[in-house]
N, C-alpha and C. Protein backbone atom coordinates (compact mmCIF):
# COMPACT_ATOMS: atom_id res chain seq x y z
N MET A 1 -55.96 -24.64 60.95
CA MET A 1 -55.41 -23.47 60.30
C MET A 1 -56.52 -22.77 59.53
N THR A 2 -56.71 -21.50 59.78
CA THR A 2 -57.70 -20.74 59.04
C THR A 2 -57.00 -19.98 57.93
N GLU A 3 -57.72 -19.78 56.84
CA GLU A 3 -57.14 -19.08 55.71
C GLU A 3 -57.20 -17.57 55.93
N ASP A 4 -56.16 -16.88 55.53
CA ASP A 4 -56.10 -15.43 55.59
C ASP A 4 -56.62 -14.90 54.26
N PRO A 5 -57.77 -14.22 54.23
CA PRO A 5 -58.33 -13.78 52.94
C PRO A 5 -57.47 -12.77 52.20
N TYR A 6 -56.51 -12.16 52.87
CA TYR A 6 -55.63 -11.22 52.19
C TYR A 6 -54.53 -11.92 51.41
N TYR A 7 -54.27 -13.16 51.71
CA TYR A 7 -53.16 -13.85 51.06
C TYR A 7 -53.55 -15.13 50.36
N THR A 8 -54.82 -15.50 50.35
CA THR A 8 -55.23 -16.73 49.70
C THR A 8 -56.37 -16.46 48.74
N ASP A 9 -56.72 -17.43 47.98
CA ASP A 9 -57.79 -17.34 47.01
C ASP A 9 -58.45 -18.70 46.93
N SER A 10 -59.67 -18.75 46.46
CA SER A 10 -60.42 -20.01 46.46
C SER A 10 -59.77 -21.08 45.60
N ILE A 11 -58.96 -20.71 44.59
CA ILE A 11 -58.34 -21.74 43.75
C ILE A 11 -57.07 -22.30 44.36
N VAL A 12 -56.62 -21.76 45.48
CA VAL A 12 -55.43 -22.28 46.15
C VAL A 12 -55.87 -23.15 47.32
N ARG A 13 -55.50 -24.40 47.26
CA ARG A 13 -55.83 -25.29 48.36
C ARG A 13 -54.78 -25.18 49.45
N PRO A 14 -55.19 -25.12 50.71
CA PRO A 14 -54.22 -25.04 51.81
C PRO A 14 -53.26 -26.23 51.78
N GLY A 15 -52.00 -25.95 52.00
CA GLY A 15 -50.98 -27.00 52.05
C GLY A 15 -50.39 -27.37 50.71
N CYS A 16 -50.95 -26.88 49.61
CA CYS A 16 -50.41 -27.19 48.29
C CYS A 16 -49.28 -26.22 47.95
N ARG A 17 -48.36 -26.70 47.13
CA ARG A 17 -47.30 -25.85 46.59
C ARG A 17 -47.60 -25.60 45.12
N HIS A 18 -47.32 -24.41 44.64
CA HIS A 18 -47.62 -24.04 43.27
C HIS A 18 -46.38 -23.56 42.54
N TYR A 19 -46.31 -23.86 41.25
CA TYR A 19 -45.19 -23.47 40.41
C TYR A 19 -45.71 -22.99 39.05
N ARG A 20 -45.02 -22.01 38.48
CA ARG A 20 -45.28 -21.61 37.09
C ARG A 20 -44.30 -22.40 36.24
N LEU A 21 -44.76 -22.98 35.18
CA LEU A 21 -43.94 -23.82 34.31
C LEU A 21 -43.59 -23.06 33.04
N ARG A 22 -42.31 -23.14 32.65
CA ARG A 22 -41.85 -22.40 31.47
C ARG A 22 -40.97 -23.26 30.59
N ARG A 23 -40.87 -22.85 29.33
CA ARG A 23 -39.83 -23.29 28.41
C ARG A 23 -39.13 -22.01 27.98
N GLY A 24 -37.97 -21.75 28.59
CA GLY A 24 -37.28 -20.48 28.36
C GLY A 24 -38.11 -19.35 28.95
N ARG A 25 -38.48 -18.40 28.10
CA ARG A 25 -39.28 -17.26 28.56
C ARG A 25 -40.77 -17.46 28.34
N LEU A 26 -41.16 -18.58 27.76
CA LEU A 26 -42.57 -18.85 27.45
C LEU A 26 -43.22 -19.62 28.59
N VAL A 27 -44.27 -19.04 29.18
CA VAL A 27 -45.02 -19.72 30.23
C VAL A 27 -45.94 -20.73 29.56
N VAL A 28 -45.81 -22.01 29.96
CA VAL A 28 -46.60 -23.07 29.33
C VAL A 28 -47.66 -23.66 30.26
N GLY A 29 -47.62 -23.32 31.55
CA GLY A 29 -48.63 -23.84 32.45
C GLY A 29 -48.23 -23.68 33.91
N TYR A 30 -48.94 -24.44 34.75
CA TYR A 30 -48.76 -24.35 36.20
C TYR A 30 -48.82 -25.75 36.79
N LEU A 31 -48.18 -25.91 37.93
CA LEU A 31 -48.14 -27.19 38.64
C LEU A 31 -48.59 -26.95 40.07
N GLN A 32 -49.44 -27.84 40.56
CA GLN A 32 -49.89 -27.80 41.95
C GLN A 32 -49.58 -29.17 42.56
N ILE A 33 -48.87 -29.17 43.69
CA ILE A 33 -48.52 -30.42 44.37
C ILE A 33 -49.20 -30.40 45.73
N ASN A 34 -50.04 -31.41 45.97
CA ASN A 34 -50.77 -31.43 47.25
C ASN A 34 -49.90 -32.05 48.34
N PRO A 35 -50.33 -32.00 49.60
CA PRO A 35 -49.51 -32.51 50.71
C PRO A 35 -49.13 -33.99 50.58
N ARG A 36 -49.92 -34.77 49.86
CA ARG A 36 -49.59 -36.20 49.67
C ARG A 36 -48.65 -36.43 48.49
N GLY A 37 -48.29 -35.34 47.79
CA GLY A 37 -47.35 -35.45 46.67
C GLY A 37 -48.00 -35.62 45.32
N SER A 38 -49.32 -35.65 45.24
CA SER A 38 -50.00 -35.76 43.95
C SER A 38 -49.79 -34.48 43.16
N ARG A 39 -49.57 -34.65 41.85
CA ARG A 39 -49.29 -33.51 40.97
C ARG A 39 -50.46 -33.26 40.04
N TYR A 40 -50.83 -31.98 39.94
CA TYR A 40 -51.90 -31.56 39.04
C TYR A 40 -51.37 -30.42 38.19
N TYR A 41 -51.75 -30.42 36.91
CA TYR A 41 -51.25 -29.44 35.96
C TYR A 41 -52.40 -28.60 35.42
N SER A 42 -52.06 -27.38 35.02
CA SER A 42 -53.05 -26.46 34.48
C SER A 42 -52.40 -25.57 33.44
N ARG A 43 -53.13 -25.27 32.38
CA ARG A 43 -52.63 -24.31 31.38
C ARG A 43 -52.93 -22.88 31.81
N ASP A 44 -53.95 -22.69 32.68
CA ASP A 44 -54.42 -21.35 33.01
C ASP A 44 -54.41 -21.04 34.51
N ASN A 45 -53.89 -21.93 35.34
CA ASN A 45 -53.84 -21.75 36.80
C ASN A 45 -55.24 -21.72 37.41
N PHE A 46 -56.18 -22.36 36.73
CA PHE A 46 -57.55 -22.43 37.25
C PHE A 46 -58.11 -23.84 37.17
N TRP A 47 -58.11 -24.43 35.97
CA TRP A 47 -58.60 -25.80 35.78
C TRP A 47 -57.43 -26.77 35.88
N TRP A 48 -57.55 -27.80 36.74
CA TRP A 48 -56.45 -28.70 37.04
C TRP A 48 -56.75 -30.11 36.56
N ARG A 49 -55.69 -30.81 36.10
CA ARG A 49 -55.82 -32.21 35.66
C ARG A 49 -54.51 -32.93 35.90
N LYS A 50 -54.54 -34.25 35.76
CA LYS A 50 -53.34 -35.07 36.01
C LYS A 50 -52.37 -35.09 34.83
N ALA A 51 -52.83 -34.77 33.63
CA ALA A 51 -51.99 -34.86 32.42
C ALA A 51 -50.82 -33.88 32.53
N PRO A 52 -49.57 -34.39 32.47
CA PRO A 52 -48.39 -33.52 32.61
C PRO A 52 -48.25 -32.52 31.46
N ILE A 53 -47.56 -31.44 31.74
CA ILE A 53 -47.22 -30.42 30.76
C ILE A 53 -45.70 -30.43 30.63
N GLU A 54 -45.20 -30.43 29.40
CA GLU A 54 -43.75 -30.41 29.20
C GLU A 54 -43.19 -29.01 29.51
N TYR A 55 -42.11 -28.97 30.31
CA TYR A 55 -41.49 -27.70 30.68
C TYR A 55 -40.02 -27.93 30.97
N THR A 56 -39.24 -26.84 30.98
CA THR A 56 -37.82 -26.93 31.29
C THR A 56 -37.44 -26.15 32.55
N GLN A 57 -38.25 -25.15 32.94
CA GLN A 57 -38.00 -24.38 34.16
C GLN A 57 -39.29 -24.23 34.94
N GLN A 58 -39.12 -24.06 36.25
CA GLN A 58 -40.29 -23.77 37.09
C GLN A 58 -39.95 -22.65 38.05
N ASP A 59 -40.95 -21.80 38.30
CA ASP A 59 -40.82 -20.68 39.23
C ASP A 59 -41.72 -20.96 40.42
N ARG A 60 -41.18 -20.85 41.64
CA ARG A 60 -41.98 -21.08 42.85
C ARG A 60 -43.00 -19.98 43.05
N SER A 61 -44.14 -20.35 43.54
CA SER A 61 -45.16 -19.38 43.91
C SER A 61 -44.86 -18.87 45.32
N THR A 62 -45.21 -17.61 45.55
CA THR A 62 -45.13 -17.05 46.90
C THR A 62 -46.36 -17.45 47.71
N GLU A 63 -47.32 -18.11 47.05
CA GLU A 63 -48.61 -18.49 47.65
C GLU A 63 -49.38 -17.25 48.10
N THR A 64 -49.16 -16.14 47.41
CA THR A 64 -49.81 -14.87 47.68
C THR A 64 -50.38 -14.33 46.38
N PHE A 65 -51.48 -13.62 46.48
CA PHE A 65 -52.10 -12.99 45.32
C PHE A 65 -51.93 -11.49 45.40
N ASP A 66 -51.87 -10.84 44.24
CA ASP A 66 -51.76 -9.38 44.22
C ASP A 66 -53.15 -8.76 44.30
N ALA A 67 -53.23 -7.45 44.15
CA ALA A 67 -54.50 -6.72 44.25
C ALA A 67 -55.50 -7.15 43.18
N ASN A 68 -55.01 -7.69 42.06
CA ASN A 68 -55.89 -8.15 40.98
C ASN A 68 -56.19 -9.64 41.06
N ARG A 69 -55.85 -10.26 42.20
CA ARG A 69 -56.05 -11.69 42.44
C ARG A 69 -55.23 -12.55 41.48
N GLN A 70 -54.05 -12.07 41.12
CA GLN A 70 -53.11 -12.83 40.30
C GLN A 70 -52.04 -13.41 41.21
N MET A 71 -51.78 -14.70 41.10
CA MET A 71 -50.78 -15.34 41.94
C MET A 71 -49.40 -14.75 41.64
N ILE A 72 -48.61 -14.51 42.69
CA ILE A 72 -47.29 -13.92 42.55
C ILE A 72 -46.24 -15.03 42.64
N PHE A 73 -45.34 -15.06 41.63
CA PHE A 73 -44.27 -16.05 41.55
C PHE A 73 -42.91 -15.35 41.61
N GLU A 74 -41.87 -16.15 41.90
CA GLU A 74 -40.52 -15.60 41.79
C GLU A 74 -40.31 -15.16 40.35
N HIS A 75 -39.50 -14.15 40.13
CA HIS A 75 -39.21 -13.52 38.84
C HIS A 75 -40.31 -12.59 38.35
N ASP A 76 -41.39 -12.41 39.12
CA ASP A 76 -42.42 -11.45 38.74
C ASP A 76 -41.95 -10.03 39.04
N VAL A 77 -42.26 -9.11 38.14
CA VAL A 77 -42.03 -7.69 38.39
C VAL A 77 -43.32 -7.17 39.02
N VAL A 78 -43.19 -6.53 40.17
CA VAL A 78 -44.36 -6.00 40.87
C VAL A 78 -44.22 -4.50 41.05
N THR A 79 -45.35 -3.83 41.01
CA THR A 79 -45.42 -2.42 41.36
C THR A 79 -45.99 -2.36 42.77
N ILE A 80 -45.32 -1.61 43.61
CA ILE A 80 -45.78 -1.42 44.99
C ILE A 80 -46.32 -0.01 45.09
N LYS A 81 -47.60 0.11 45.36
CA LYS A 81 -48.26 1.41 45.51
C LYS A 81 -49.04 1.35 46.79
N LYS A 82 -48.54 2.02 47.81
CA LYS A 82 -49.20 1.98 49.12
C LYS A 82 -50.54 2.70 49.06
N GLN A 83 -51.57 2.02 49.53
CA GLN A 83 -52.92 2.56 49.49
C GLN A 83 -53.06 3.84 50.31
N ASP A 84 -52.28 3.95 51.39
CA ASP A 84 -52.41 5.11 52.27
C ASP A 84 -51.37 6.21 52.01
N ASP A 85 -50.60 6.08 50.91
CA ASP A 85 -49.57 7.07 50.60
C ASP A 85 -49.45 7.20 49.09
N ASP A 86 -50.10 8.22 48.52
CA ASP A 86 -50.11 8.41 47.07
C ASP A 86 -48.72 8.66 46.49
N ALA A 87 -47.80 9.16 47.29
CA ALA A 87 -46.45 9.47 46.80
C ALA A 87 -45.56 8.23 46.73
N TYR A 88 -45.97 7.12 47.36
CA TYR A 88 -45.12 5.92 47.42
C TYR A 88 -45.45 4.99 46.26
N ALA A 89 -44.54 4.85 45.33
CA ALA A 89 -44.69 3.91 44.21
C ALA A 89 -43.30 3.43 43.83
N LYS A 90 -43.12 2.11 43.85
CA LYS A 90 -41.82 1.51 43.52
C LYS A 90 -42.05 0.25 42.71
N ARG A 91 -41.01 -0.14 41.94
CA ARG A 91 -41.05 -1.39 41.19
C ARG A 91 -39.96 -2.31 41.67
N GLY A 92 -40.25 -3.59 41.68
CA GLY A 92 -39.25 -4.56 42.10
C GLY A 92 -39.50 -5.93 41.50
N VAL A 93 -38.51 -6.79 41.68
CA VAL A 93 -38.60 -8.17 41.20
C VAL A 93 -38.63 -9.09 42.40
N VAL A 94 -39.55 -10.05 42.39
CA VAL A 94 -39.66 -11.03 43.48
C VAL A 94 -38.54 -12.06 43.29
N GLU A 95 -37.73 -12.22 44.35
CA GLU A 95 -36.60 -13.15 44.30
C GLU A 95 -36.60 -14.03 45.55
N PRO A 96 -36.07 -15.26 45.42
CA PRO A 96 -35.96 -16.08 46.62
C PRO A 96 -34.90 -15.51 47.56
N SER A 97 -35.13 -15.62 48.84
CA SER A 97 -34.16 -15.16 49.83
C SER A 97 -33.03 -16.17 49.91
N PRO A 98 -31.77 -15.72 49.88
CA PRO A 98 -30.66 -16.67 50.01
C PRO A 98 -30.55 -17.26 51.41
N ALA A 99 -31.17 -16.62 52.39
CA ALA A 99 -31.03 -17.05 53.78
C ALA A 99 -32.00 -18.16 54.18
N ASP A 100 -33.19 -18.17 53.58
CA ASP A 100 -34.19 -19.16 53.98
C ASP A 100 -35.15 -19.45 52.83
N ASN A 101 -36.29 -20.00 53.14
CA ASN A 101 -37.25 -20.41 52.12
C ASN A 101 -38.29 -19.33 51.83
N SER A 102 -37.96 -18.06 52.11
CA SER A 102 -38.89 -16.96 51.90
C SER A 102 -38.53 -16.21 50.62
N PHE A 103 -39.19 -15.07 50.42
CA PHE A 103 -38.95 -14.25 49.23
C PHE A 103 -38.65 -12.82 49.64
N LEU A 104 -37.97 -12.09 48.75
CA LEU A 104 -37.67 -10.68 48.91
C LEU A 104 -38.12 -9.96 47.64
N ILE A 105 -38.32 -8.65 47.74
CA ILE A 105 -38.56 -7.83 46.56
C ILE A 105 -37.33 -6.97 46.35
N ASN A 106 -36.66 -7.17 45.21
CA ASN A 106 -35.48 -6.40 44.84
C ASN A 106 -35.98 -5.13 44.16
N LEU A 107 -35.88 -3.99 44.83
CA LEU A 107 -36.35 -2.72 44.28
C LEU A 107 -35.42 -2.30 43.14
N LEU A 108 -35.96 -2.18 41.94
CA LEU A 108 -35.15 -1.96 40.74
C LEU A 108 -34.43 -0.62 40.74
N GLU A 109 -35.10 0.45 41.13
CA GLU A 109 -34.47 1.77 41.09
C GLU A 109 -33.42 1.96 42.18
N GLU A 110 -33.58 1.25 43.30
CA GLU A 110 -32.70 1.46 44.45
C GLU A 110 -31.65 0.38 44.64
N GLY A 111 -31.91 -0.82 44.12
CA GLY A 111 -30.99 -1.93 44.34
C GLY A 111 -31.00 -2.44 45.76
N THR A 112 -32.08 -2.15 46.49
CA THR A 112 -32.22 -2.64 47.86
C THR A 112 -33.33 -3.69 47.90
N PHE A 113 -33.39 -4.40 49.00
CA PHE A 113 -34.37 -5.47 49.15
C PHE A 113 -35.33 -5.14 50.27
N ILE A 114 -36.60 -5.50 50.09
CA ILE A 114 -37.58 -5.40 51.17
C ILE A 114 -38.19 -6.76 51.37
N PRO A 115 -38.68 -7.05 52.56
CA PRO A 115 -39.25 -8.37 52.82
C PRO A 115 -40.55 -8.59 52.05
N PHE A 116 -40.86 -9.83 51.82
CA PHE A 116 -42.09 -10.20 51.14
C PHE A 116 -42.78 -11.28 51.97
N GLY A 117 -44.02 -11.08 52.31
CA GLY A 117 -44.77 -12.13 53.01
C GLY A 117 -45.50 -11.60 54.21
N ARG A 118 -46.53 -12.32 54.57
CA ARG A 118 -47.43 -11.87 55.64
C ARG A 118 -46.83 -11.95 57.02
N SER A 119 -45.73 -12.70 57.20
CA SER A 119 -45.16 -12.85 58.53
C SER A 119 -44.28 -11.66 58.93
N ASP A 120 -43.94 -10.81 57.99
CA ASP A 120 -43.07 -9.67 58.29
C ASP A 120 -43.89 -8.38 58.27
N PRO A 121 -43.95 -7.66 59.40
CA PRO A 121 -44.76 -6.44 59.45
C PRO A 121 -44.26 -5.34 58.51
N ALA A 122 -43.01 -5.40 58.08
CA ALA A 122 -42.48 -4.38 57.16
C ALA A 122 -42.82 -4.69 55.70
N ALA A 123 -43.36 -5.87 55.43
CA ALA A 123 -43.68 -6.25 54.05
C ALA A 123 -44.91 -5.49 53.56
N PRO A 124 -44.97 -5.25 52.24
CA PRO A 124 -46.15 -4.55 51.71
C PRO A 124 -47.41 -5.40 51.85
N PHE A 125 -48.53 -4.72 52.04
CA PHE A 125 -49.84 -5.37 52.12
C PHE A 125 -50.19 -5.89 50.73
N ARG A 126 -50.90 -7.00 50.65
CA ARG A 126 -51.25 -7.62 49.38
C ARG A 126 -51.89 -6.64 48.40
N ASP A 127 -52.79 -5.77 48.88
CA ASP A 127 -53.47 -4.84 47.98
C ASP A 127 -52.56 -3.71 47.51
N ASP A 128 -51.33 -3.63 48.02
CA ASP A 128 -50.35 -2.65 47.56
C ASP A 128 -49.55 -3.18 46.37
N LEU A 129 -49.70 -4.46 46.04
CA LEU A 129 -48.88 -5.10 45.01
C LEU A 129 -49.69 -5.39 43.75
N LYS A 130 -49.05 -5.17 42.59
CA LYS A 130 -49.64 -5.56 41.31
C LYS A 130 -48.54 -6.14 40.44
N VAL A 131 -48.78 -7.33 39.91
CA VAL A 131 -47.82 -7.94 38.98
C VAL A 131 -47.93 -7.21 37.66
N THR A 132 -46.78 -6.73 37.14
CA THR A 132 -46.79 -5.99 35.88
C THR A 132 -45.98 -6.69 34.78
N GLY A 133 -45.30 -7.79 35.12
CA GLY A 133 -44.53 -8.51 34.13
C GLY A 133 -43.64 -9.54 34.80
N GLN A 134 -42.75 -10.12 33.99
CA GLN A 134 -41.79 -11.09 34.51
C GLN A 134 -40.41 -10.71 34.01
N MET A 135 -39.40 -11.12 34.76
CA MET A 135 -38.02 -10.87 34.39
C MET A 135 -37.30 -12.21 34.41
N PHE A 136 -37.33 -12.91 33.26
CA PHE A 136 -36.69 -14.21 33.14
C PHE A 136 -35.30 -14.03 32.53
N SER A 137 -34.33 -14.78 33.03
CA SER A 137 -33.00 -14.73 32.44
C SER A 137 -32.87 -15.87 31.44
N GLY A 138 -31.96 -15.73 30.53
CA GLY A 138 -31.74 -16.77 29.53
C GLY A 138 -32.80 -16.76 28.44
N GLY A 139 -32.81 -17.79 27.61
CA GLY A 139 -33.76 -17.81 26.50
C GLY A 139 -34.35 -19.10 26.37
């Protein structure tokens, strides 16, 4: 398997799963699980160690980075600005798809969903996306 430079970054190891760790609305760190099940924790999503971080919620990573090389997680608010169309700008929230293990972008102004991910040709290109915040429910 070769890495796709549009959807990966050097700090993401192939085959690993990533999660953002929270206590309510406060992000406290990140979790990386390798294919053998070993768990590594990070406060900054860059330096990893075995020492666990206490958390109450976790958000799945899409395993994709935005135009600023920031990892995109479920519950992230993203701005979609197509590089080839100055008039196209939309905001949405990344949500898990109820149908499968993929993600969708819920467009906030329209209440419609668009696909998210490199396997769908209708999905926005990575450089069209920028994480602008998070939308966590509860406290």
